[in-house]
Amino acid sequence: MKLQILAACAALATLTAGQALAADAITAKLAAPVAEKTKFIAGGAMFNCEGDTCVAAAPTSQTFATSTCKTIADKVGPVASFEGRKSLAEDKLADCNAKALAKAGGTQLAKQ
């Protein structure tokens, strides 16, 4: 009986830690501000964009990914930085922005 209770407590602690880890906000700083407040879903989370910042306050474990960054760049323009518990690597950030920069003529990030 004690072993079952111990196993249940360990499972609950693991589940809680996983949820806390996934709950860290994901922030995308944009190369240029959005004209008006914008909301959309990317990477399984709702992003709220205002000015030059898009934030997912309740991300999933899948939200911090290059594919999510690509969706953001496609919807609101090139992304200057993409961060959660860490920053997206420069090469992945460049990959994230490739399509958006091609659409915009490649000039938006060059102005920074």
N, C-alpha and C. Protein backbone atom coordinates (compact mmCIF):
# COMPACT_ATOMS: atom_id res chain seq x y z
N MET A 1 0.82 -1.19 0.00
CA MET A 1 0.00 0.00 0.00
C MET A 1 0.87 1.26 0.00
N LYS A 2 1.92 1.26 0.84
CA LYS A 2 2.80 2.42 0.90
C LYS A 2 3.48 2.64 -0.44
N LEU A 3 3.82 1.56 -1.13
CA LEU A 3 4.47 1.65 -2.43
C LEU A 3 3.54 2.30 -3.45
N GLN A 4 2.26 1.98 -3.42
CA GLN A 4 1.29 2.57 -4.34
C GLN A 4 1.14 4.08 -4.07
N ILE A 5 1.11 4.45 -2.82
CA ILE A 5 0.98 5.87 -2.46
C ILE A 5 2.23 6.62 -2.91
N LEU A 6 3.40 6.03 -2.70
CA LEU A 6 4.65 6.63 -3.11
C LEU A 6 4.70 6.81 -4.63
N ALA A 7 4.26 5.79 -5.36
CA ALA A 7 4.24 5.86 -6.82
C ALA A 7 3.27 6.95 -7.29
N ALA A 8 2.13 7.07 -6.64
CA ALA A 8 1.15 8.09 -7.01
C ALA A 8 1.71 9.48 -6.75
N CYS A 9 2.41 9.65 -5.65
CA CYS A 9 3.02 10.95 -5.34
C CYS A 9 4.10 11.30 -6.34
N ALA A 10 4.90 10.34 -6.74
CA ALA A 10 5.96 10.58 -7.72
C ALA A 10 5.35 10.95 -9.07
N ALA A 11 4.29 10.26 -9.47
CA ALA A 11 3.62 10.58 -10.73
C ALA A 11 3.03 11.97 -10.70
N LEU A 12 2.43 12.35 -9.59
CA LEU A 12 1.85 13.69 -9.45
C LEU A 12 2.93 14.76 -9.50
N ALA A 13 4.06 14.53 -8.84
CA ALA A 13 5.16 15.49 -8.86
C ALA A 13 5.72 15.66 -10.27
N THR A 14 5.85 14.57 -11.00
CA THR A 14 6.35 14.63 -12.37
C THR A 14 5.38 15.39 -13.26
N LEU A 15 4.10 15.12 -13.13
CA LEU A 15 3.08 15.80 -13.92
C LEU A 15 3.07 17.29 -13.62
N THR A 16 3.14 17.65 -12.36
CA THR A 16 3.14 19.05 -11.96
C THR A 16 4.37 19.77 -12.47
N ALA A 17 5.53 19.15 -12.40
CA ALA A 17 6.77 19.77 -12.89
C ALA A 17 6.70 19.97 -14.39
N GLY A 18 6.16 19.02 -15.12
CA GLY A 18 6.01 19.15 -16.57
C GLY A 18 5.09 20.29 -16.94
N GLN A 19 4.01 20.45 -16.20
CA GLN A 19 3.08 21.54 -16.47
C GLN A 19 3.71 22.88 -16.15
N ALA A 20 4.48 22.96 -15.08
CA ALA A 20 5.13 24.22 -14.71
C ALA A 20 6.16 24.60 -15.75
N LEU A 21 6.88 23.61 -16.27
CA LEU A 21 7.89 23.87 -17.29
C LEU A 21 7.24 24.40 -18.56
N ALA A 22 6.11 23.83 -18.95
CA ALA A 22 5.43 24.25 -20.16
C ALA A 22 4.74 25.59 -19.99
N ALA A 23 4.56 26.05 -18.77
CA ALA A 23 3.79 27.27 -18.53
C ALA A 23 4.61 28.56 -18.64
N ASP A 24 5.94 28.46 -18.83
CA ASP A 24 6.75 29.67 -18.98
C ASP A 24 6.34 30.39 -20.26
N ALA A 25 6.14 31.69 -20.17
CA ALA A 25 5.72 32.48 -21.33
C ALA A 25 6.76 32.41 -22.45
N ILE A 26 6.28 32.44 -23.68
CA ILE A 26 7.12 32.49 -24.87
C ILE A 26 6.94 33.88 -25.47
N THR A 27 8.05 34.57 -25.74
CA THR A 27 8.00 35.93 -26.26
C THR A 27 8.73 36.03 -27.59
N ALA A 28 8.07 36.64 -28.56
CA ALA A 28 8.69 36.93 -29.85
C ALA A 28 8.78 38.44 -29.99
N LYS A 29 9.99 38.95 -30.11
CA LYS A 29 10.20 40.37 -30.39
C LYS A 29 10.22 40.51 -31.90
N LEU A 30 9.43 41.43 -32.42
CA LEU A 30 9.31 41.60 -33.87
C LEU A 30 10.28 42.65 -34.39
N ALA A 31 10.66 42.51 -35.64
CA ALA A 31 11.55 43.48 -36.28
C ALA A 31 10.84 44.82 -36.47
N ALA A 32 9.52 44.77 -36.65
CA ALA A 32 8.71 45.98 -36.81
C ALA A 32 7.40 45.79 -36.05
N PRO A 33 6.88 46.83 -35.43
CA PRO A 33 5.64 46.69 -34.66
C PRO A 33 4.44 46.39 -35.55
N VAL A 34 3.46 45.69 -34.95
CA VAL A 34 2.20 45.44 -35.65
C VAL A 34 1.36 46.72 -35.61
N ALA A 35 0.55 46.92 -36.64
CA ALA A 35 -0.27 48.13 -36.73
C ALA A 35 -1.37 48.15 -35.67
N GLU A 36 -1.89 46.98 -35.33
CA GLU A 36 -2.94 46.90 -34.32
C GLU A 36 -2.80 45.60 -33.55
N LYS A 37 -3.43 45.52 -32.37
CA LYS A 37 -3.37 44.30 -31.57
C LYS A 37 -3.81 43.12 -32.42
N THR A 38 -3.08 42.03 -32.32
CA THR A 38 -3.34 40.85 -33.12
C THR A 38 -3.28 39.61 -32.24
N LYS A 39 -4.18 38.67 -32.48
CA LYS A 39 -4.18 37.40 -31.76
C LYS A 39 -4.24 36.27 -32.78
N PHE A 40 -3.49 35.21 -32.51
CA PHE A 40 -3.54 34.02 -33.36
C PHE A 40 -2.95 32.85 -32.57
N ILE A 41 -3.22 31.65 -33.08
CA ILE A 41 -2.69 30.44 -32.45
C ILE A 41 -1.50 29.96 -33.26
N ALA A 42 -0.41 29.65 -32.56
CA ALA A 42 0.79 29.09 -33.17
C ALA A 42 1.42 28.14 -32.16
N GLY A 43 1.86 26.99 -32.61
CA GLY A 43 2.50 26.04 -31.70
C GLY A 43 1.61 25.59 -30.57
N GLY A 44 0.30 25.58 -30.80
CA GLY A 44 -0.64 25.13 -29.78
C GLY A 44 -0.94 26.15 -28.70
N ALA A 45 -0.53 27.40 -28.90
CA ALA A 45 -0.76 28.44 -27.88
C ALA A 45 -1.31 29.71 -28.53
N MET A 46 -2.03 30.49 -27.75
CA MET A 46 -2.56 31.76 -28.21
C MET A 46 -1.49 32.84 -28.03
N PHE A 47 -1.12 33.49 -29.13
CA PHE A 47 -0.18 34.61 -29.07
C PHE A 47 -0.95 35.91 -29.15
N ASN A 48 -0.61 36.85 -28.28
CA ASN A 48 -1.18 38.19 -28.29
C ASN A 48 -0.05 39.14 -28.68
N CYS A 49 -0.27 39.87 -29.78
CA CYS A 49 0.77 40.78 -30.27
C CYS A 49 0.30 42.22 -30.12
N GLU A 50 1.20 43.03 -29.60
CA GLU A 50 0.96 44.46 -29.47
C GLU A 50 2.31 45.15 -29.58
N GLY A 51 2.37 46.20 -30.39
CA GLY A 51 3.65 46.87 -30.62
C GLY A 51 4.60 45.91 -31.30
N ASP A 52 5.81 45.77 -30.75
CA ASP A 52 6.79 44.88 -31.35
C ASP A 52 6.96 43.57 -30.58
N THR A 53 5.93 43.20 -29.80
CA THR A 53 6.03 42.01 -28.96
C THR A 53 4.81 41.12 -29.09
N CYS A 54 5.07 39.81 -29.25
CA CYS A 54 4.02 38.80 -29.24
C CYS A 54 4.32 37.86 -28.07
N VAL A 55 3.30 37.58 -27.25
CA VAL A 55 3.50 36.75 -26.06
C VAL A 55 2.45 35.64 -26.01
N ALA A 56 2.92 34.43 -25.72
CA ALA A 56 2.04 33.30 -25.41
C ALA A 56 2.19 33.07 -23.91
N ALA A 57 1.20 33.49 -23.14
CA ALA A 57 1.29 33.40 -21.69
C ALA A 57 1.07 31.97 -21.18
N ALA A 58 0.37 31.15 -21.96
CA ALA A 58 0.09 29.77 -21.56
C ALA A 58 0.50 28.81 -22.67
N PRO A 59 1.81 28.72 -22.94
CA PRO A 59 2.28 27.85 -24.02
C PRO A 59 2.19 26.38 -23.67
N THR A 60 2.23 25.55 -24.69
CA THR A 60 2.31 24.10 -24.50
C THR A 60 3.77 23.69 -24.59
N SER A 61 4.03 22.43 -24.41
CA SER A 61 5.41 21.95 -24.52
C SER A 61 5.91 22.03 -25.96
N GLN A 62 5.02 22.24 -26.92
CA GLN A 62 5.37 22.32 -28.34
C GLN A 62 5.53 23.75 -28.84
N THR A 63 5.29 24.75 -28.01
CA THR A 63 5.26 26.14 -28.47
C THR A 63 6.64 26.69 -28.80
N PHE A 64 7.66 26.36 -28.03
CA PHE A 64 9.00 26.88 -28.29
C PHE A 64 9.65 26.01 -29.36
N ALA A 65 9.39 26.36 -30.63
CA ALA A 65 9.91 25.59 -31.76
C ALA A 65 10.10 26.51 -32.96
N THR A 66 10.99 26.12 -33.86
CA THR A 66 11.23 26.91 -35.07
C THR A 66 9.95 27.01 -35.89
N SER A 67 9.15 25.96 -35.92
CA SER A 67 7.91 25.99 -36.69
C SER A 67 6.94 27.05 -36.15
N THR A 68 6.91 27.23 -34.83
CA THR A 68 6.07 28.27 -34.23
C THR A 68 6.59 29.64 -34.62
N CYS A 69 7.90 29.82 -34.56
CA CYS A 69 8.52 31.08 -34.95
C CYS A 69 8.17 31.41 -36.41
N LYS A 70 8.21 30.39 -37.27
CA LYS A 70 7.87 30.58 -38.69
C LYS A 70 6.43 31.04 -38.86
N THR A 71 5.53 30.47 -38.07
CA THR A 71 4.11 30.87 -38.14
C THR A 71 3.96 32.33 -37.72
N ILE A 72 4.65 32.72 -36.66
CA ILE A 72 4.60 34.10 -36.19
C ILE A 72 5.12 35.04 -37.28
N ALA A 73 6.28 34.72 -37.85
CA ALA A 73 6.89 35.55 -38.89
C ALA A 73 5.97 35.66 -40.10
N ASP A 74 5.29 34.56 -40.44
CA ASP A 74 4.39 34.58 -41.58
C ASP A 74 3.17 35.47 -41.31
N LYS A 75 2.70 35.48 -40.07
CA LYS A 75 1.49 36.25 -39.74
C LYS A 75 1.76 37.73 -39.49
N VAL A 76 2.89 38.06 -38.81
CA VAL A 76 3.11 39.45 -38.40
C VAL A 76 4.46 40.03 -38.82
N GLY A 77 5.26 39.28 -39.56
CA GLY A 77 6.53 39.80 -40.04
C GLY A 77 7.73 39.21 -39.32
N PRO A 78 8.93 39.55 -39.79
CA PRO A 78 10.15 38.96 -39.25
C PRO A 78 10.28 39.11 -37.73
N VAL A 79 10.87 38.08 -37.14
CA VAL A 79 11.05 38.00 -35.70
C VAL A 79 12.51 38.33 -35.37
N ALA A 80 12.73 39.31 -34.49
CA ALA A 80 14.08 39.72 -34.08
C ALA A 80 14.64 38.78 -33.02
N SER A 81 13.78 38.28 -32.12
CA SER A 81 14.20 37.29 -31.12
C SER A 81 12.99 36.45 -30.73
N PHE A 82 13.26 35.21 -30.34
CA PHE A 82 12.21 34.27 -29.94
C PHE A 82 12.72 33.58 -28.69
N GLU A 83 12.03 33.81 -27.56
CA GLU A 83 12.55 33.34 -26.27
C GLU A 83 11.49 32.70 -25.40
N GLY A 84 11.92 31.69 -24.68
CA GLY A 84 11.14 31.04 -23.63
C GLY A 84 12.07 30.95 -22.45
N ARG A 85 12.38 29.74 -22.02
CA ARG A 85 13.39 29.57 -20.97
C ARG A 85 14.78 29.84 -21.53
N LYS A 86 14.90 29.85 -22.86
CA LYS A 86 16.16 30.16 -23.54
C LYS A 86 15.82 30.88 -24.83
N SER A 87 16.83 31.34 -25.55
CA SER A 87 16.62 32.03 -26.82
C SER A 87 16.79 31.05 -27.97
N LEU A 88 16.02 31.26 -29.02
CA LEU A 88 16.18 30.45 -30.22
C LEU A 88 17.53 30.77 -30.85
N ALA A 89 18.28 29.76 -31.24
CA ALA A 89 19.61 29.94 -31.82
C ALA A 89 19.54 30.79 -33.09
N GLU A 90 20.62 31.53 -33.36
CA GLU A 90 20.67 32.45 -34.50
C GLU A 90 20.37 31.76 -35.84
N ASP A 91 20.91 30.56 -36.06
CA ASP A 91 20.66 29.86 -37.31
C ASP A 91 19.19 29.47 -37.45
N LYS A 92 18.57 29.08 -36.35
CA LYS A 92 17.15 28.73 -36.37
C LYS A 92 16.29 29.99 -36.54
N LEU A 93 16.72 31.10 -35.97
CA LEU A 93 16.01 32.37 -36.13
C LEU A 93 16.07 32.81 -37.60
N ALA A 94 17.21 32.64 -38.23
CA ALA A 94 17.35 32.97 -39.66
C ALA A 94 16.42 32.10 -40.49
N ASP A 95 16.34 30.81 -40.15
CA ASP A 95 15.43 29.88 -40.84
C ASP A 95 13.98 30.31 -40.62
N CYS A 96 13.69 30.73 -39.40
CA CYS A 96 12.35 31.20 -39.05
C CYS A 96 11.92 32.36 -39.95
N ASN A 97 12.83 33.27 -40.21
CA ASN A 97 12.52 34.50 -40.94
C ASN A 97 12.66 34.41 -42.46
N ALA A 98 13.20 33.33 -42.98
CA ALA A 98 13.50 33.24 -44.42
C ALA A 98 12.29 33.58 -45.29
N LYS A 99 11.16 32.96 -45.03
CA LYS A 99 9.97 33.17 -45.86
C LYS A 99 9.42 34.59 -45.68
N ALA A 100 9.37 35.09 -44.43
CA ALA A 100 8.84 36.43 -44.16
C ALA A 100 9.73 37.49 -44.80
N LEU A 101 11.05 37.30 -44.76
CA LEU A 101 11.97 38.26 -45.38
C LEU A 101 11.83 38.27 -46.89
N ALA A 102 11.62 37.10 -47.46
CA ALA A 102 11.43 37.02 -48.91
C ALA A 102 10.14 37.77 -49.32
N LYS A 103 9.10 37.60 -48.49
CA LYS A 103 7.83 38.30 -48.75
C LYS A 103 7.99 39.81 -48.62
N ALA A 104 8.81 40.26 -47.66
CA ALA A 104 8.97 41.68 -47.38
C ALA A 104 10.09 42.32 -48.21
N GLY A 105 10.73 41.54 -49.04
CA GLY A 105 11.81 42.09 -49.86
C GLY A 105 13.14 42.07 -49.15
N GLY A 106 13.24 41.42 -47.97
CA GLY A 106 14.50 41.25 -47.27
C GLY A 106 15.06 42.48 -46.60
N THR A 107 14.27 43.53 -46.42
CA THR A 107 14.82 44.78 -45.90
C THR A 107 14.53 45.03 -44.43
N GLN A 108 13.53 44.41 -43.85
CA GLN A 108 13.12 44.78 -42.49
C GLN A 108 14.18 44.52 -41.45
N LEU A 109 14.84 43.36 -41.44
CA LEU A 109 15.85 43.11 -40.43
C LEU A 109 17.13 43.88 -40.71
N ALA A 110 17.40 44.20 -41.96
CA ALA A 110 18.60 44.95 -42.30
C ALA A 110 18.56 46.36 -41.71
N LYS A 111 17.38 46.89 -41.42
CA LYS A 111 17.25 48.24 -40.88
C LYS A 111 17.61 48.31 -39.41
N GLN A 112 17.67 47.17 -38.72
CA GLN A 112 17.93 47.19 -37.28
C GLN A 112 19.34 47.61 -36.97
